[in-house]
Protein backbone atom coordinates (compact mmCIF):
# COMPACT_ATOMS: atom_id res chain seq x y z
CA MET A 1 184.98 -102.23 51.61
CA LYS A 2 184.02 -101.17 55.13
CA ILE A 3 183.48 -103.64 57.96
CA LEU A 4 181.84 -102.74 61.26
CA VAL A 5 183.54 -104.66 64.07
CA LEU A 6 181.87 -105.53 67.39
CA SER A 7 182.78 -107.62 70.39
CA ASP A 8 181.59 -108.15 73.94
CA THR A 9 178.08 -106.83 73.41
CA HIS A 10 176.83 -108.89 76.38
CA ILE A 11 173.15 -108.45 75.60
CA PRO A 12 170.91 -108.54 77.67
CA VAL A 13 173.36 -108.50 80.62
CA ALA A 14 175.16 -105.19 79.92
CA ALA A 15 172.35 -103.58 77.89
CA GLN A 16 168.99 -104.49 76.41
CA ASP A 17 170.11 -103.71 72.85
CA LEU A 18 172.99 -102.26 70.89
CA PRO A 19 173.34 -98.47 71.03
CA GLU A 20 171.41 -96.71 68.26
CA GLU A 21 174.71 -95.35 66.93
CA ILE A 22 175.70 -98.91 65.97
CA TYR A 23 172.58 -99.38 63.87
CA LYS A 24 173.22 -96.06 62.11
CA ALA A 25 176.84 -97.06 61.43
CA ILE A 26 175.71 -100.41 59.96
CA GLU A 27 173.94 -98.49 57.18
CA GLY A 28 177.32 -97.31 55.87
CA VAL A 29 179.23 -100.60 55.91
CA ASP A 30 179.40 -103.68 53.69
CA MET A 31 179.85 -106.35 56.35
CA ILE A 32 179.86 -106.94 60.12
CA PHE A 33 182.31 -108.91 62.27
CA HIS A 34 181.43 -109.90 65.84
CA ALA A 35 184.32 -111.22 67.96
CA GLY A 36 182.22 -113.08 70.51
CA ASP A 37 180.37 -112.65 73.79
CA LEU A 38 177.08 -111.88 72.12
CA ILE A 39 175.24 -113.72 74.96
CA ASP A 40 171.86 -113.52 73.15
CA ALA A 41 171.58 -115.33 69.81
CA GLY A 42 168.92 -112.80 68.83
CA VAL A 43 171.65 -110.17 68.49
CA LEU A 44 173.41 -112.31 65.89
CA GLU A 45 170.18 -112.89 63.99
CA ARG A 46 169.41 -109.17 63.96
CA LEU A 47 172.91 -108.32 62.68
CA LYS A 48 172.63 -111.00 59.99
CA SER A 49 169.31 -109.52 58.88
CA LEU A 50 171.02 -106.15 58.33
CA LYS A 51 174.32 -107.10 56.63
CA GLU A 52 176.49 -110.12 55.94
CA THR A 53 177.86 -111.05 59.37
CA LYS A 54 180.81 -113.17 60.46
CA ALA A 55 180.88 -114.11 64.15
CA VAL A 56 182.74 -116.36 66.56
CA CYS A 57 181.88 -117.78 69.96
CA GLY A 58 183.12 -116.09 73.13
CA ASN A 59 183.67 -117.44 76.63
CA MET A 60 180.37 -115.98 77.91
CA ASP A 61 178.23 -117.35 75.06
CA SER A 62 175.79 -120.20 75.65
CA LYS A 63 176.50 -123.80 74.63
CA GLU A 64 173.81 -123.46 71.97
CA LEU A 65 175.38 -120.34 70.49
CA CYS A 66 178.85 -121.91 70.58
CA ALA A 67 177.48 -124.99 68.84
CA ALA A 68 176.44 -122.71 65.96
CA LEU A 69 179.68 -120.69 65.84
CA ASN A 70 183.36 -121.57 65.61
CA SER A 71 185.87 -120.28 68.15
CA LYS A 72 187.94 -118.82 65.33
CA GLU A 73 187.62 -118.05 61.63
CA ILE A 74 189.88 -116.91 58.82
CA ILE A 75 188.14 -114.52 56.47
CA ASN A 76 189.71 -113.70 53.11
CA ILE A 77 188.94 -110.24 51.76
CA GLY A 78 190.84 -109.37 48.63
CA LYS A 79 194.50 -110.22 49.23
CA PHE A 80 194.14 -109.99 53.02
CA LYS A 81 193.67 -112.79 55.55
CA ILE A 82 191.77 -111.72 58.65
CA GLY A 83 191.76 -113.91 61.76
CA LEU A 84 188.63 -113.54 63.90
CA THR A 85 188.51 -114.90 67.45
CA HIS A 86 187.31 -113.87 70.88
CA GLY A 87 190.37 -114.49 73.03
CA TYR A 88 190.80 -115.82 76.53
CA GLY A 89 193.00 -115.51 79.58
CA ALA A 90 194.51 -112.46 81.22
CA PRO A 91 193.87 -109.17 79.38
CA SER A 92 197.53 -108.23 79.90
CA GLU A 93 198.54 -111.25 77.78
CA ILE A 94 195.81 -111.00 75.14
CA MET A 95 198.04 -110.19 72.14
CA PRO A 96 200.35 -113.22 72.38
CA THR A 97 197.40 -115.42 73.42
CA VAL A 98 195.31 -114.62 70.36
CA ARG A 99 198.30 -114.54 68.01
CA LYS A 100 199.16 -118.19 68.63
CA GLU A 101 195.70 -119.15 67.32
CA PHE A 102 196.65 -118.28 63.72
CA ASP A 103 199.53 -118.83 61.31
CA LYS A 104 199.79 -116.41 58.40
CA ILE A 105 197.35 -113.53 58.75
CA ASP A 106 197.38 -109.81 58.03
CA VAL A 107 194.84 -108.73 60.65
CA LEU A 108 193.80 -110.29 63.94
CA VAL A 109 190.36 -109.20 65.19
CA PHE A 110 189.58 -110.17 68.77
CA GLY A 111 187.71 -109.12 71.91
CA HIS A 112 187.61 -110.42 75.48
CA SER A 113 189.50 -107.57 77.19
CA HIS A 114 186.83 -104.91 76.43
CA ALA A 115 189.74 -102.52 75.81
CA ALA A 116 189.95 -101.13 72.29
CA MET A 117 193.20 -101.75 70.43
CA ASN A 118 194.42 -100.77 66.98
CA VAL A 119 198.13 -101.69 66.88
CA LYS A 120 200.42 -103.03 64.18
CA LYS A 121 203.14 -105.37 65.41
CA ASP A 122 205.43 -107.63 63.38
CA GLY A 123 203.39 -107.00 60.23
CA VAL A 124 200.03 -107.93 61.81
CA LEU A 125 197.27 -105.45 62.67
CA TYR A 126 195.84 -106.33 66.11
CA PHE A 127 192.31 -104.95 66.23
CA ASN A 128 190.00 -105.09 69.25
CA PRO A 129 186.88 -102.91 68.91
CA GLY A 130 186.30 -102.79 72.67
CA SER A 131 182.70 -103.12 73.88
CA PRO A 132 179.80 -100.88 72.86
CA THR A 133 177.84 -101.77 76.00
CA ASP A 134 180.18 -102.76 78.85
CA LYS A 135 182.95 -100.66 80.46
CA ILE A 136 184.10 -103.22 83.03
CA PHE A 137 187.74 -103.11 81.82
CA ALA A 138 187.65 -99.89 79.78
CA SER A 139 186.90 -96.23 80.38
CA LYS A 140 184.79 -95.81 77.22
CA ASN A 141 182.44 -97.84 75.07
CA SER A 142 183.52 -98.33 71.48
CA TYR A 143 183.24 -100.26 68.24
CA GLY A 144 185.53 -100.51 65.23
CA ILE A 145 185.63 -99.97 61.50
CA LEU A 146 188.01 -101.82 59.19
CA GLU A 147 188.53 -100.28 55.77
CA VAL A 148 189.86 -102.65 53.12
CA THR A 149 191.14 -101.62 49.71
CA ASP A 150 193.18 -103.54 47.18
CA LYS A 151 196.34 -101.97 48.68
CA TYR A 152 195.77 -101.70 52.41
CA ILE A 153 193.64 -102.54 55.38
CA GLU A 154 193.37 -100.15 58.31
CA GLY A 155 191.36 -99.92 61.47
CA LYS A 156 189.58 -97.12 63.28
CA ILE A 157 188.20 -97.20 66.81
CA VAL A 158 184.97 -95.23 67.28
CA GLU A 159 184.16 -94.13 70.83
CA ILE A 160 180.52 -93.97 71.82
């Protein structure tokens, strides 16, 4: 199974729409995760119309959008538990901040810092896809792909 992972799309503030490359990549995946800061609920609706989509609320999302989304989710895929959250606080402390949100997980997908991350620490894969539209805290735009098999789960950061 392949999962396209987005975060911090900030539409329409950072861009009017997702980059075309994202829509092309969606054709080759089974599911989409969005780790918050959508800003526009229309983005979520469009993603849901293309593939099954799991999303959480971010700190920049409207009250209405946050009323429709949880701040964190646990998604079970095969034998793996994936924690999905946006994150908060200082980017330099993002890993311990998001980690304390979940107990037993195999992967922790998050956003907030806009800086892509694909790091395994203490048996947990920390995966931040970065932002496909906003480079405020990063030098490049990016998104992520998680590949899940019955034996492993691994992440890949794709620079735009």
